[in-house]
Amino acid sequence: MLYIGIDVGGTGIKAGVVSENGTILHKLSCPTLRERGHEAVIHDMARLSLQVLAESGHALEEIHSVGVGIPGMQDPRTGRIPFCTNLGWHDVPLVELLQQEIDKPVYVNNDATVAGLAESIAGVSAGTKNSVFITLGTGVGGGVVLDGKLFMGPHGIATEVGHMITVAGGEMCTCGNRGCWERYASATAIIREGRRFAEAHRDCALFRAVNGNLDQIEARTVIDLAKAGDPDCEKLFDNYVYHLTVGLINLINLYDPEIIALGGGVSKAGTFLLDKVNALLPEMIFFKTMPHARIELARLGNDAGIIGAAMLGRQEA
């Protein structure tokens, strides 16, 4: 049995034909051009899917289902998208419209959630029954797999882990609350704190690295200087790791997973990030004499969205 996975982002659409074990057989991409409206974008999703299927040498009769990962929320009861800021969608009947163009079962879920499913089937968490995936990018997203199945909750929002409040009364979040985990554990958090520090300390290496143009400070700027041994950026990054680890401890206490996989842009810091997290984690573990989740780097990279979206259908098979 084969599956089609579609990964939809604000700038690009990717589609692939995926095998039962999570291997991409063929993939294609095209620009999203979201300003055209949801109907045009969904039409392109269908067109790209049929094109990648034809180029793969397989027929529609071999496809079990089509899965879609979107950067937003979905209603599991209706298949509608209540809102998706990155695409400019509000109350879009995605499943209905896509099924009008591809006569197969259609499943949809959040992009970070499907990436977590992908890692549990074909990535670093393969072989486990209970795992968590965290994407550390502009925000913080997550996917939770319990007993081999995605955990979503009755309203489809059980893994909005970035909006755990980890600092009561803290930084204002885009969601309207204060102190959400993603305000401290995202790439955006590193950038914010780096710019604040450089503004206040104009003789620091970070300020000099961007020639005083603070808008050029990226998470990578801070991380690279920390790796090089700059004490100021080391402190900034260690503070970031502290807040990241606080959230990871909460997830361990809630779900007791076998593995937590870290993906997204910040995870490209690699072992520099991983070693710091694994050094701090034991100090915060509640059950110190018991085994606890391993923290690992995700493996599937940009393919996780296609694989995970495709595997939504396997979950229901």
C-alpha atoms as a PDB file:
ATOM      1  CA  MET A   1       0.000   0.000   0.000  1.00  0.00           C
ATOM      2  CA  LEU A   2       1.210   3.497  -0.901  1.00  0.00           C
ATOM      3  CA  TYR A   3       0.344   6.921   0.480  1.00  0.00           C
ATOM      4  CA  ILE A   4       0.586  10.536  -0.686  1.00  0.00           C
ATOM      5  CA  GLY A   5       1.917  13.101   1.755  1.00  0.00           C
ATOM      6  CA  ILE A   6       1.552  16.866   1.274  1.00  0.00           C
ATOM      7  CA  ASP A   7       3.539  19.368   3.333  1.00  0.00           C
ATOM      8  CA  VAL A   8       2.088  22.869   2.996  1.00  0.00           C
ATOM      9  CA  GLY A   9       3.991  25.944   4.129  1.00  0.00           C
ATOM     10  CA  GLY A  10       3.615  29.669   3.703  1.00  0.00           C
ATOM     11  CA  THR A  11       6.063  29.716   0.785  1.00  0.00           C
ATOM     12  CA  GLY A  12       6.090  26.197  -0.645  1.00  0.00           C
ATOM     13  CA  ILE A  13       4.096  23.003  -1.153  1.00  0.00           C
ATOM     14  CA  LYS A  14       5.842  19.634  -1.177  1.00  0.00           C
ATOM     15  CA  ALA A  15       4.238  16.332  -2.116  1.00  0.00           C
ATOM     16  CA  GLY A  16       5.556  12.795  -2.200  1.00  0.00           C
ATOM     17  CA  VAL A  17       4.578   9.188  -2.750  1.00  0.00           C
ATOM     18  CA  VAL A  18       5.466   7.267   0.396  1.00  0.00           C
ATOM     19  CA  SER A  19       5.721   3.543   1.071  1.00  0.00           C
ATOM     20  CA  GLU A  20       4.235   1.644   4.004  1.00  0.00           C
ATOM     21  CA  ASN A  21       7.487   1.926   5.967  1.00  0.00           C
ATOM     22  CA  GLY A  22       7.831   5.679   5.481  1.00  0.00           C
ATOM     23  CA  THR A  23      10.210   5.764   2.511  1.00  0.00           C
ATOM     24  CA  ILE A  24       9.683   8.576   0.001  1.00  0.00           C
ATOM     25  CA  LEU A  25       9.578   7.045  -3.479  1.00  0.00           C
ATOM     26  CA  HIS A  26       9.313  10.339  -5.351  1.00  0.00           C
ATOM     27  CA  LYS A  27       8.709  13.971  -4.397  1.00  0.00           C
ATOM     28  CA  LEU A  28       8.049  17.341  -6.025  1.00  0.00           C
ATOM     29  CA  SER A  29       7.475  20.905  -4.888  1.00  0.00           C
ATOM     30  CA  CYS A  30       5.931  24.161  -6.064  1.00  0.00           C
ATOM     31  CA  PRO A  31       5.417  27.654  -4.601  1.00  0.00           C
ATOM     32  CA  THR A  32       2.360  28.197  -2.396  1.00  0.00           C
ATOM     33  CA  LEU A  33       1.440  31.684  -3.650  1.00  0.00           C
ATOM     34  CA  ARG A  34      -1.030  31.933  -0.802  1.00  0.00           C
ATOM     35  CA  GLU A  35      -2.287  35.366  -1.860  1.00  0.00           C
ATOM     36  CA  ARG A  36      -4.392  33.622  -4.544  1.00  0.00           C
ATOM     37  CA  GLY A  37      -6.716  32.223  -1.874  1.00  0.00           C
ATOM     38  CA  HIS A  38      -7.312  28.755  -0.456  1.00  0.00           C
ATOM     39  CA  GLU A  39      -9.127  27.264  -3.469  1.00  0.00           C
ATOM     40  CA  ALA A  40      -6.193  27.908  -5.810  1.00  0.00           C
ATOM     41  CA  VAL A  41      -3.702  26.571  -3.255  1.00  0.00           C
ATOM     42  CA  ILE A  42      -5.734  23.406  -2.669  1.00  0.00           C
ATOM     43  CA  HIS A  43      -6.034  22.906  -6.429  1.00  0.00           C
ATOM     44  CA  ASP A  44      -2.231  23.078  -6.664  1.00  0.00           C
ATOM     45  CA  MET A  45      -1.940  20.584  -3.825  1.00  0.00           C
ATOM     46  CA  ALA A  46      -4.054  18.147  -5.819  1.00  0.00           C
ATOM     47  CA  ARG A  47      -2.275  18.866  -9.088  1.00  0.00           C
ATOM     48  CA  LEU A  48       1.144  18.368  -7.510  1.00  0.00           C
ATOM     49  CA  SER A  49       0.014  15.131  -5.873  1.00  0.00           C
ATOM     50  CA  LEU A  50      -1.234  13.660  -9.136  1.00  0.00           C
ATOM     51  CA  GLN A  51       1.930  14.785 -10.924  1.00  0.00           C
ATOM     52  CA  VAL A  52       4.239  13.192  -8.349  1.00  0.00           C
ATOM     53  CA  LEU A  53       2.163  10.021  -8.501  1.00  0.00           C
ATOM     54  CA  ALA A  54       2.430   9.845 -12.304  1.00  0.00           C
ATOM     55  CA  GLU A  55       6.179  10.492 -12.231  1.00  0.00           C
ATOM     56  CA  SER A  56       6.630   7.775  -9.597  1.00  0.00           C
ATOM     57  CA  GLY A  57       5.236   5.188 -12.020  1.00  0.00           C
ATOM     58  CA  HIS A  58       2.317   4.263  -9.780  1.00  0.00           C
ATOM     59  CA  ALA A  59      -1.441   4.544 -10.259  1.00  0.00           C
ATOM     60  CA  LEU A  60      -4.108   6.146  -8.092  1.00  0.00           C
ATOM     61  CA  GLU A  61      -5.554   2.673  -7.433  1.00  0.00           C
ATOM     62  CA  GLU A  62      -2.400   1.876  -5.431  1.00  0.00           C
ATOM     63  CA  ILE A  63      -2.882   4.852  -3.099  1.00  0.00           C
ATOM     64  CA  HIS A  64      -4.578   4.214   0.212  1.00  0.00           C
ATOM     65  CA  SER A  65      -5.007   7.861   1.238  1.00  0.00           C
ATOM     66  CA  VAL A  66      -3.739  11.422   1.065  1.00  0.00           C
ATOM     67  CA  GLY A  67      -2.386  13.180   4.143  1.00  0.00           C
ATOM     68  CA  VAL A  68      -1.732  16.897   4.625  1.00  0.00           C
ATOM     69  CA  GLY A  69       0.426  18.721   7.141  1.00  0.00           C
ATOM     70  CA  ILE A  70      -0.408  22.405   7.632  1.00  0.00           C
ATOM     71  CA  PRO A  71       1.164  25.146   9.775  1.00  0.00           C
ATOM     72  CA  GLY A  72      -2.010  25.687  11.769  1.00  0.00           C
ATOM     73  CA  MET A  73      -4.937  24.095  13.535  1.00  0.00           C
ATOM     74  CA  GLN A  74      -7.460  21.618  12.199  1.00  0.00           C
ATOM     75  CA  ASP A  75     -10.790  20.339  13.473  1.00  0.00           C
ATOM     76  CA  PRO A  76     -10.592  16.517  13.560  1.00  0.00           C
ATOM     77  CA  ARG A  77     -14.387  16.268  13.601  1.00  0.00           C
ATOM     78  CA  THR A  78     -14.982  18.161  10.357  1.00  0.00           C
ATOM     79  CA  GLY A  79     -11.714  18.284   8.420  1.00  0.00           C
ATOM     80  CA  ARG A  80     -11.972  22.062   8.335  1.00  0.00           C
ATOM     81  CA  ILE A  81      -9.146  24.501   9.122  1.00  0.00           C
ATOM     82  CA  PRO A  82     -10.457  27.016  11.695  1.00  0.00           C
ATOM     83  CA  PHE A  83      -7.456  29.263  11.088  1.00  0.00           C
ATOM     84  CA  CYS A  84      -3.973  29.053   9.672  1.00  0.00           C
ATOM     85  CA  THR A  85      -2.086  32.328   9.944  1.00  0.00           C
ATOM     86  CA  ASN A  86       0.801  31.348   7.654  1.00  0.00           C
ATOM     87  CA  LEU A  87      -1.613  30.602   4.826  1.00  0.00           C
ATOM     88  CA  GLY A  88      -4.170  33.297   5.601  1.00  0.00           C
ATOM     89  CA  TRP A  89      -6.901  30.641   5.933  1.00  0.00           C
ATOM     90  CA  HIS A  90     -10.020  30.934   8.058  1.00  0.00           C
ATOM     91  CA  ASP A  91     -12.625  28.159   8.266  1.00  0.00           C
ATOM     92  CA  VAL A  92     -11.408  26.401   5.116  1.00  0.00           C
ATOM     93  CA  PRO A  93     -13.036  23.015   4.246  1.00  0.00           C
ATOM     94  CA  LEU A  94      -9.704  21.456   3.252  1.00  0.00           C
ATOM     95  CA  VAL A  95     -10.707  17.793   3.342  1.00  0.00           C
ATOM     96  CA  GLU A  96     -13.887  18.376   1.333  1.00  0.00           C
ATOM     97  CA  LEU A  97     -12.194  20.456  -1.358  1.00  0.00           C
ATOM     98  CA  LEU A  98      -9.208  18.120  -1.749  1.00  0.00           C
ATOM     99  CA  GLN A  99     -11.449  15.050  -2.003  1.00  0.00           C
ATOM    100  CA  GLN A 100     -13.312  16.721  -4.843  1.00  0.00           C
ATOM    101  CA  GLU A 101     -10.076  16.581  -6.843  1.00  0.00           C
ATOM    102  CA  ILE A 102      -8.583  13.322  -5.535  1.00  0.00           C
ATOM    103  CA  ASP A 103     -11.090  10.581  -4.785  1.00  0.00           C
ATOM    104  CA  LYS A 104      -9.267   9.118  -1.809  1.00  0.00           C
ATOM    105  CA  PRO A 105      -9.593   9.446   1.975  1.00  0.00           C
ATOM    106  CA  VAL A 106      -7.928  12.678   3.115  1.00  0.00           C
ATOM    107  CA  TYR A 107      -6.405  13.264   6.546  1.00  0.00           C
ATOM    108  CA  VAL A 108      -4.991  16.535   7.863  1.00  0.00           C
ATOM    109  CA  ASN A 109      -2.987  17.566  10.895  1.00  0.00           C
ATOM    110  CA  ASN A 110      -0.555  20.179  12.171  1.00  0.00           C
ATOM    111  CA  ASP A 111       2.878  20.160  10.516  1.00  0.00           C
ATOM    112  CA  ALA A 112       4.849  19.663  13.743  1.00  0.00           C
ATOM    113  CA  THR A 113       2.506  16.860  14.773  1.00  0.00           C
ATOM    114  CA  VAL A 114       2.978  14.966  11.515  1.00  0.00           C
ATOM    115  CA  ALA A 115       6.754  15.447  11.756  1.00  0.00           C
ATOM    116  CA  GLY A 116       6.573  13.732  15.134  1.00  0.00           C
ATOM    117  CA  LEU A 117       4.693  10.853  13.556  1.00  0.00           C
ATOM    118  CA  ALA A 118       7.328  10.628  10.827  1.00  0.00           C
ATOM    119  CA  GLU A 119      10.183  10.432  13.321  1.00  0.00           C
ATOM    120  CA  SER A 120       8.355   7.685  15.234  1.00  0.00           C
ATOM    121  CA  ILE A 121       7.961   5.579  12.085  1.00  0.00           C
ATOM    122  CA  ALA A 122      11.070   6.270  10.007  1.00  0.00           C
ATOM    123  CA  GLY A 123      13.314   8.530  12.092  1.00  0.00           C
ATOM    124  CA  VAL A 124      15.186   8.639  15.363  1.00  0.00           C
ATOM    125  CA  SER A 125      12.201   7.381  17.378  1.00  0.00           C
ATOM    126  CA  ALA A 126      11.510   4.368  15.155  1.00  0.00           C
ATOM    127  CA  GLY A 127      11.088   1.222  17.219  1.00  0.00           C
ATOM    128  CA  THR A 128       9.590   3.048  20.195  1.00  0.00           C
ATOM    129  CA  LYS A 129       5.923   3.213  21.149  1.00  0.00           C
ATOM    130  CA  ASN A 130       6.044   6.480  23.080  1.00  0.00           C
ATOM    131  CA  SER A 131       7.895   9.507  21.776  1.00  0.00           C
ATOM    132  CA  VAL A 132       7.756  13.279  21.580  1.00  0.00           C
ATOM    133  CA  PHE A 133       9.020  15.482  18.764  1.00  0.00           C
ATOM    134  CA  ILE A 134       9.793  19.161  19.288  1.00  0.00           C
ATOM    135  CA  THR A 135      10.512  21.633  16.504  1.00  0.00           C
ATOM    136  CA  LEU A 136      12.577  24.625  17.575  1.00  0.00           C
ATOM    137  CA  GLY A 137      12.019  27.302  14.963  1.00  0.00           C
ATOM    138  CA  THR A 138      10.255  30.655  14.816  1.00  0.00           C
ATOM    139  CA  GLY A 139       7.937  29.123  17.402  1.00  0.00           C
ATOM    140  CA  VAL A 140       7.906  25.786  19.178  1.00  0.00           C
ATOM    141  CA  GLY A 141       5.706  22.972  17.913  1.00  0.00           C
ATOM    142  CA  GLY A 142       5.354  19.373  18.916  1.00  0.00           C
ATOM    143  CA  GLY A 143       4.030  15.937  18.157  1.00  0.00           C
ATOM    144  CA  VAL A 144       3.276  13.244  20.722  1.00  0.00           C
ATOM    145  CA  VAL A 145       3.007   9.539  19.928  1.00  0.00           C
ATOM    146  CA  LEU A 146       1.615   7.314  22.675  1.00  0.00           C
ATOM    147  CA  ASP A 147       1.364   3.554  22.288  1.00  0.00           C
ATOM    148  CA  GLY A 148       2.197   3.944  18.601  1.00  0.00           C
ATOM    149  CA  LYS A 149      -0.599   6.428  17.862  1.00  0.00           C
ATOM    150  CA  LEU A 150      -0.690  10.208  17.573  1.00  0.00           C
ATOM    151  CA  PHE A 151      -2.106  11.766  20.695  1.00  0.00           C
ATOM    152  CA  MET A 152      -4.348  14.671  19.755  1.00  0.00           C
ATOM    153  CA  GLY A 153      -7.085  14.987  22.361  1.00  0.00           C
ATOM    154  CA  PRO A 154     -10.791  15.385  21.542  1.00  0.00           C
ATOM    155  CA  HIS A 155     -10.337  18.868  20.095  1.00  0.00           C
ATOM    156  CA  GLY A 156      -7.154  18.204  18.116  1.00  0.00           C
ATOM    157  CA  ILE A 157      -4.970  20.604  20.126  1.00  0.00           C
ATOM    158  CA  ALA A 158      -3.325  18.324  22.708  1.00  0.00           C
ATOM    159  CA  THR A 159       0.192  18.929  21.406  1.00  0.00           C
ATOM    160  CA  GLU A 160       0.349  22.716  21.314  1.00  0.00           C
ATOM    161  CA  VAL A 161       3.369  22.355  23.575  1.00  0.00           C
ATOM    162  CA  GLY A 162       4.812  25.731  22.621  1.00  0.00           C
ATOM    163  CA  HIS A 163       2.004  27.362  24.550  1.00  0.00           C
ATOM    164  CA  MET A 164       2.688  25.703  27.873  1.00  0.00           C
ATOM    165  CA  ILE A 165       3.184  28.596  30.273  1.00  0.00           C
ATOM    166  CA  THR A 166       6.637  28.061  31.751  1.00  0.00           C
ATOM    167  CA  VAL A 167       7.290  31.593  33.056  1.00  0.00           C
ATOM    168  CA  ALA A 168       4.204  33.021  34.753  1.00  0.00           C
ATOM    169  CA  GLY A 169       3.725  36.653  33.732  1.00  0.00           C
ATOM    170  CA  GLY A 170       6.665  36.428  31.321  1.00  0.00           C
ATOM    171  CA  GLU A 171       7.202  37.591  27.748  1.00  0.00           C
ATOM    172  CA  MET A 172       4.082  38.403  25.749  1.00  0.00           C
ATOM    173  CA  CYS A 173       3.282  35.647  23.240  1.00  0.00           C
ATOM    174  CA  THR A 174       1.628  36.007  19.846  1.00  0.00           C
ATOM    175  CA  CYS A 175      -1.234  33.893  21.236  1.00  0.00           C
ATOM    176  CA  GLY A 176      -2.117  36.642  23.720  1.00  0.00           C
ATOM    177  CA  ASN A 177      -0.800  34.928  26.853  1.00  0.00           C
ATOM    178  CA  ARG A 178       2.396  35.666  28.717  1.00  0.00           C
ATOM    179  CA  GLY A 179       5.237  33.282  29.462  1.00  0.00           C
ATOM    180  CA  CYS A 180       4.583  30.607  26.834  1.00  0.00           C
ATOM    181  CA  TRP A 181       7.407  28.118  26.373  1.00  0.00           C
ATOM    182  CA  GLU A 182       7.993  29.173  22.780  1.00  0.00           C
ATOM    183  CA  ARG A 183       8.819  32.698  23.934  1.00  0.00           C
ATOM    184  CA  TYR A 184      11.871  31.186  25.636  1.00  0.00           C
ATOM    185  CA  ALA A 185      12.718  28.019  23.686  1.00  0.00           C
ATOM    186  CA  SER A 186      12.425  29.147  20.055  1.00  0.00           C
ATOM    187  CA  ALA A 187      14.934  30.620  17.634  1.00  0.00           C
ATOM    188  CA  THR A 188      12.980  33.851  18.055  1.00  0.00           C
ATOM    189  CA  ALA A 189      13.881  33.839  21.753  1.00  0.00           C
ATOM    190  CA  ILE A 190      17.598  33.581  20.997  1.00  0.00           C
ATOM    191  CA  ILE A 191      17.324  36.452  18.522  1.00  0.00           C
ATOM    192  CA  ARG A 192      15.361  38.636  20.964  1.00  0.00           C
ATOM    193  CA  GLU A 193      17.768  38.105  23.834  1.00  0.00           C
ATOM    194  CA  GLY A 194      20.793  38.516  21.573  1.00  0.00           C
ATOM    195  CA  ARG A 195      19.540  41.850  20.257  1.00  0.00           C
ATOM    196  CA  ARG A 196      18.706  43.069  23.745  1.00  0.00           C
ATOM    197  CA  PHE A 197      22.151  42.184  25.003  1.00  0.00           C
ATOM    198  CA  ALA A 198      23.967  43.723  22.042  1.00  0.00           C
ATOM    199  CA  GLU A 199      21.943  46.933  22.364  1.00  0.00           C
ATOM    200  CA  ALA A 200      22.942  47.221  26.016  1.00  0.00           C
ATOM    201  CA  HIS A 201      26.585  46.172  25.498  1.00  0.00           C
ATOM    202  CA  ARG A 202      27.880  47.783  22.328  1.00  0.00           C
ATOM    203  CA  ASP A 203      31.431  46.695  23.013  1.00  0.00           C
ATOM    204  CA  CYS A 204      30.504  42.987  22.908  1.00  0.00           C
ATOM    205  CA  ALA A 205      31.509  40.492  20.223  1.00  0.00           C
ATOM    206  CA  LEU A 206      27.882  40.038  19.165  1.00  0.00           C
ATOM    207  CA  PHE A 207      27.510  43.763  18.386  1.00  0.00           C
ATOM    208  CA  ARG A 208      30.751  43.739  16.421  1.00  0.00           C
ATOM    209  CA  ALA A 209      29.792  40.582  14.517  1.00  0.00           C
ATOM    210  CA  VAL A 210      26.915  42.415  12.831  1.00  0.00           C
ATOM    211  CA  ASN A 211      28.714  45.781  12.558  1.00  0.00           C
ATOM    212  CA  GLY A 212      26.152  47.319  14.862  1.00  0.00           C
ATOM    213  CA  ASN A 213      23.167  46.332  12.704  1.00  0.00           C
ATOM    214  CA  LEU A 214      21.118  44.477  15.303  1.00  0.00           C
ATOM    215  CA  ASP A 215      18.535  43.414  12.716  1.00  0.00           C
ATOM    216  CA  GLN A 216      21.173  41.079  11.321  1.00  0.00           C
ATOM    217  CA  ILE A 217      21.432  39.084  14.547  1.00  0.00           C
ATOM    218  CA  GLU A 218      20.034  35.605  13.981  1.00  0.00           C
ATOM    219  CA  ALA A 219      19.918  32.592  16.274  1.00  0.00           C
ATOM    220  CA  ARG A 220      22.864  31.198  14.334  1.00  0.00           C
ATOM    221  CA  THR A 221      24.880  34.361  15.062  1.00  0.00           C
ATOM    222  CA  VAL A 222      24.575  33.812  18.804  1.00  0.00           C
ATOM    223  CA  ILE A 223      25.125  30.049  18.578  1.00  0.00           C
ATOM    224  CA  ASP A 224      28.235  30.361  16.397  1.00  0.00           C
ATOM    225  CA  LEU A 225      29.810  32.858  18.793  1.00  0.00           C
ATOM    226  CA  ALA A 226      28.923  30.631  21.745  1.00  0.00           C
ATOM    227  CA  LYS A 227      30.560  27.690  19.993  1.00  0.00           C
ATOM    228  CA  ALA A 228      33.650  29.825  19.412  1.00  0.00           C
ATOM    229  CA  GLY A 229      33.902  30.484  23.140  1.00  0.00           C
ATOM    230  CA  ASP A 230      32.557  34.021  23.457  1.00  0.00           C
ATOM    231  CA  PRO A 231      31.546  34.223  27.142  1.00  0.00           C
ATOM    232  CA  ASP A 232      28.598  36.569  26.585  1.00  0.00           C
ATOM    233  CA  CYS A 233      27.012  34.392  23.922  1.00  0.00           C
ATOM    234  CA  GLU A 234      27.755  31.294  25.978  1.00  0.00           C
ATOM    235  CA  LYS A 235      25.686  32.821  28.794  1.00  0.00           C
ATOM    236  CA  LEU A 236      22.893  33.732  26.370  1.00  0.00           C
ATOM    237  CA  PHE A 237      22.825  30.212  24.971  1.00  0.00           C
ATOM    238  CA  ASP A 238      23.046  28.556  28.383  1.00  0.00           C
ATOM    239  CA  ASN A 239      20.029  30.615  29.472  1.00  0.00           C
ATOM    240  CA  TYR A 240      18.216  29.434  26.357  1.00  0.00           C
ATOM    241  CA  VAL A 241      19.106  25.804  27.149  1.00  0.00           C
ATOM    242  CA  TYR A 242      17.785  26.247  30.696  1.00  0.00           C
ATOM    243  CA  HIS A 243      14.368  27.360  29.454  1.00  0.00           C
ATOM    244  CA  LEU A 244      14.322  24.653  26.786  1.00  0.00           C
ATOM    245  CA  THR A 245      15.097  22.005  29.404  1.00  0.00           C
ATOM    246  CA  VAL A 246      12.352  23.250  31.738  1.00  0.00           C
ATOM    247  CA  GLY A 247       9.825  22.508  29.009  1.00  0.00           C
ATOM    248  CA  LEU A 248      11.383  19.133  28.232  1.00  0.00           C
ATOM    249  CA  ILE A 249      11.104  18.177  31.907  1.00  0.00           C
ATOM    250  CA  ASN A 250       7.408  19.084  31.838  1.00  0.00           C
ATOM    251  CA  LEU A 251       6.909  16.820  28.826  1.00  0.00           C
ATOM    252  CA  ILE A 252       8.789  13.979  30.512  1.00  0.00           C
ATOM    253  CA  ASN A 253       6.644  14.360  33.628  1.00  0.00           C
ATOM    254  CA  LEU A 254       3.453  14.439  31.549  1.00  0.00           C
ATOM    255  CA  TYR A 255       4.096  11.700  28.988  1.00  0.00           C
ATOM    256  CA  ASP A 256       7.112   9.639  30.152  1.00  0.00           C
ATOM    257  CA  PRO A 257       8.294   9.098  26.545  1.00  0.00           C
ATOM    258  CA  GLU A 258      11.163   6.857  25.531  1.00  0.00           C
ATOM    259  CA  ILE A 259      12.672   9.551  23.294  1.00  0.00           C
ATOM    260  CA  ILE A 260      12.245  13.284  22.809  1.00  0.00           C
ATOM    261  CA  ALA A 261      13.513  14.268  19.354  1.00  0.00           C
ATOM    262  CA  LEU A 262      14.606  17.853  18.718  1.00  0.00           C
ATOM    263  CA  GLY A 263      14.144  19.281  15.228  1.00  0.00           C
ATOM    264  CA  GLY A 264      13.841  22.687  13.602  1.00  0.00           C
ATOM    265  CA  GLY A 265      16.433  25.370  12.981  1.00  0.00           C
ATOM    266  CA  VAL A 266      17.959  25.506  16.468  1.00  0.00           C
ATOM    267  CA  SER A 267      18.571  21.746  16.407  1.00  0.00           C
ATOM    268  CA  LYS A 268      21.181  22.402  13.698  1.00  0.00           C
ATOM    269  CA  ALA A 269      23.441  23.408  16.585  1.00  0.00           C
ATOM    270  CA  GLY A 270      23.818  19.631  16.856  1.00  0.00           C
ATOM    271  CA  THR A 271      25.816  18.110  19.672  1.00  0.00           C
ATOM    272  CA  PHE A 272      26.601  21.579  21.039  1.00  0.00           C
ATOM    273  CA  LEU A 273      22.907  21.868  21.928  1.00  0.00           C
ATOM    274  CA  LEU A 274      22.375  18.223  22.773  1.00  0.00           C
ATOM    275  CA  ASP A 275      25.334  17.975  25.158  1.00  0.00           C
ATOM    276  CA  LYS A 276      24.185  21.034  27.108  1.00  0.00           C
ATOM    277  CA  VAL A 277      20.622  19.744  27.415  1.00  0.00           C
ATOM    278  CA  ASN A 278      21.768  16.290  28.495  1.00  0.00           C
ATOM    279  CA  ALA A 279      24.104  17.812  31.073  1.00  0.00           C
ATOM    280  CA  LEU A 280      21.311  19.891  32.626  1.00  0.00           C
ATOM    281  CA  LEU A 281      18.434  17.430  32.372  1.00  0.00           C
ATOM    282  CA  PRO A 282      19.461  15.067  35.210  1.00  0.00           C
ATOM    283  CA  GLU A 283      19.459  17.968  37.676  1.00  0.00           C
ATOM    284  CA  MET A 284      15.775  18.612  36.949  1.00  0.00           C
ATOM    285  CA  ILE A 285      14.484  15.044  36.639  1.00  0.00           C
ATOM    286  CA  PHE A 286      11.875  14.338  39.309  1.00  0.00           C
ATOM    287  CA  PHE A 287      12.395  10.560  39.481  1.00  0.00           C
ATOM    288  CA  LYS A 288      16.188  10.565  39.701  1.00  0.00           C
ATOM    289  CA  THR A 289      16.618   6.830  40.356  1.00  0.00           C
ATOM    290  CA  MET A 290      14.452   5.761  37.393  1.00  0.00           C
ATOM    291  CA  PRO A 291      15.190   5.674  33.655  1.00  0.00           C
ATOM    292  CA  HIS A 292      14.015   8.720  31.726  1.00  0.00           C
ATOM    293  CA  ALA A 293      13.581   9.832  28.126  1.00  0.00           C
ATOM    294  CA  ARG A 294      16.609  10.125  25.894  1.00  0.00           C
ATOM    295  CA  ILE A 295      16.992  13.489  24.178  1.00  0.00           C
ATOM    296  CA  GLU A 296      18.065  13.029  20.556  1.00  0.00           C
ATOM    297  CA  LEU A 297      18.349  15.058  17.373  1.00  0.00           C
ATOM    298  CA  ALA A 298      15.642  14.415  14.788  1.00  0.00           C
ATOM    299  CA  ARG A 299      16.896  12.738  11.602  1.00  0.00           C
ATOM    300  CA  LEU A 300      14.384  13.290   8.813  1.00  0.00           C
ATOM    301  CA  GLY A 301      14.859  17.023   8.289  1.00  0.00           C
ATOM    302  CA  ASN A 302      12.740  18.550   5.539  1.00  0.00           C
ATOM    303  CA  ASP A 303      11.328  15.157   4.531  1.00  0.00           C
ATOM    304  CA  ALA A 304       9.522  14.736   7.861  1.00  0.00           C
ATOM    305  CA  GLY A 305       6.507  16.759   6.720  1.00  0.00           C
ATOM    306  CA  ILE A 306       5.862  14.619   3.636  1.00  0.00           C
ATOM    307  CA  ILE A 307       6.447  11.330   5.455  1.00  0.00           C
ATOM    308  CA  GLY A 308       4.374  12.225   8.481  1.00  0.00           C
ATOM    309  CA  ALA A 309       1.478  13.579   6.441  1.00  0.00           C
ATOM    310  CA  ALA A 310       1.433  10.403   4.356  1.00  0.00           C
ATOM    311  CA  MET A 311       1.502   8.229   7.475  1.00  0.00           C
ATOM    312  CA  LEU A 312      -1.688   9.843   8.809  1.00  0.00           C
ATOM    313  CA  GLY A 313      -3.542   7.425   6.577  1.00  0.00           C
ATOM    314  CA  ARG A 314      -1.548   4.457   7.855  1.00  0.00           C
ATOM    315  CA  GLN A 315      -2.658   5.395  11.354  1.00  0.00           C
ATOM    316  CA  GLU A 316      -6.259   4.904  10.264  1.00  0.00           C
ATOM    317  CA  ALA A 317      -5.716   1.789   8.151  1.00  0.00           C
END
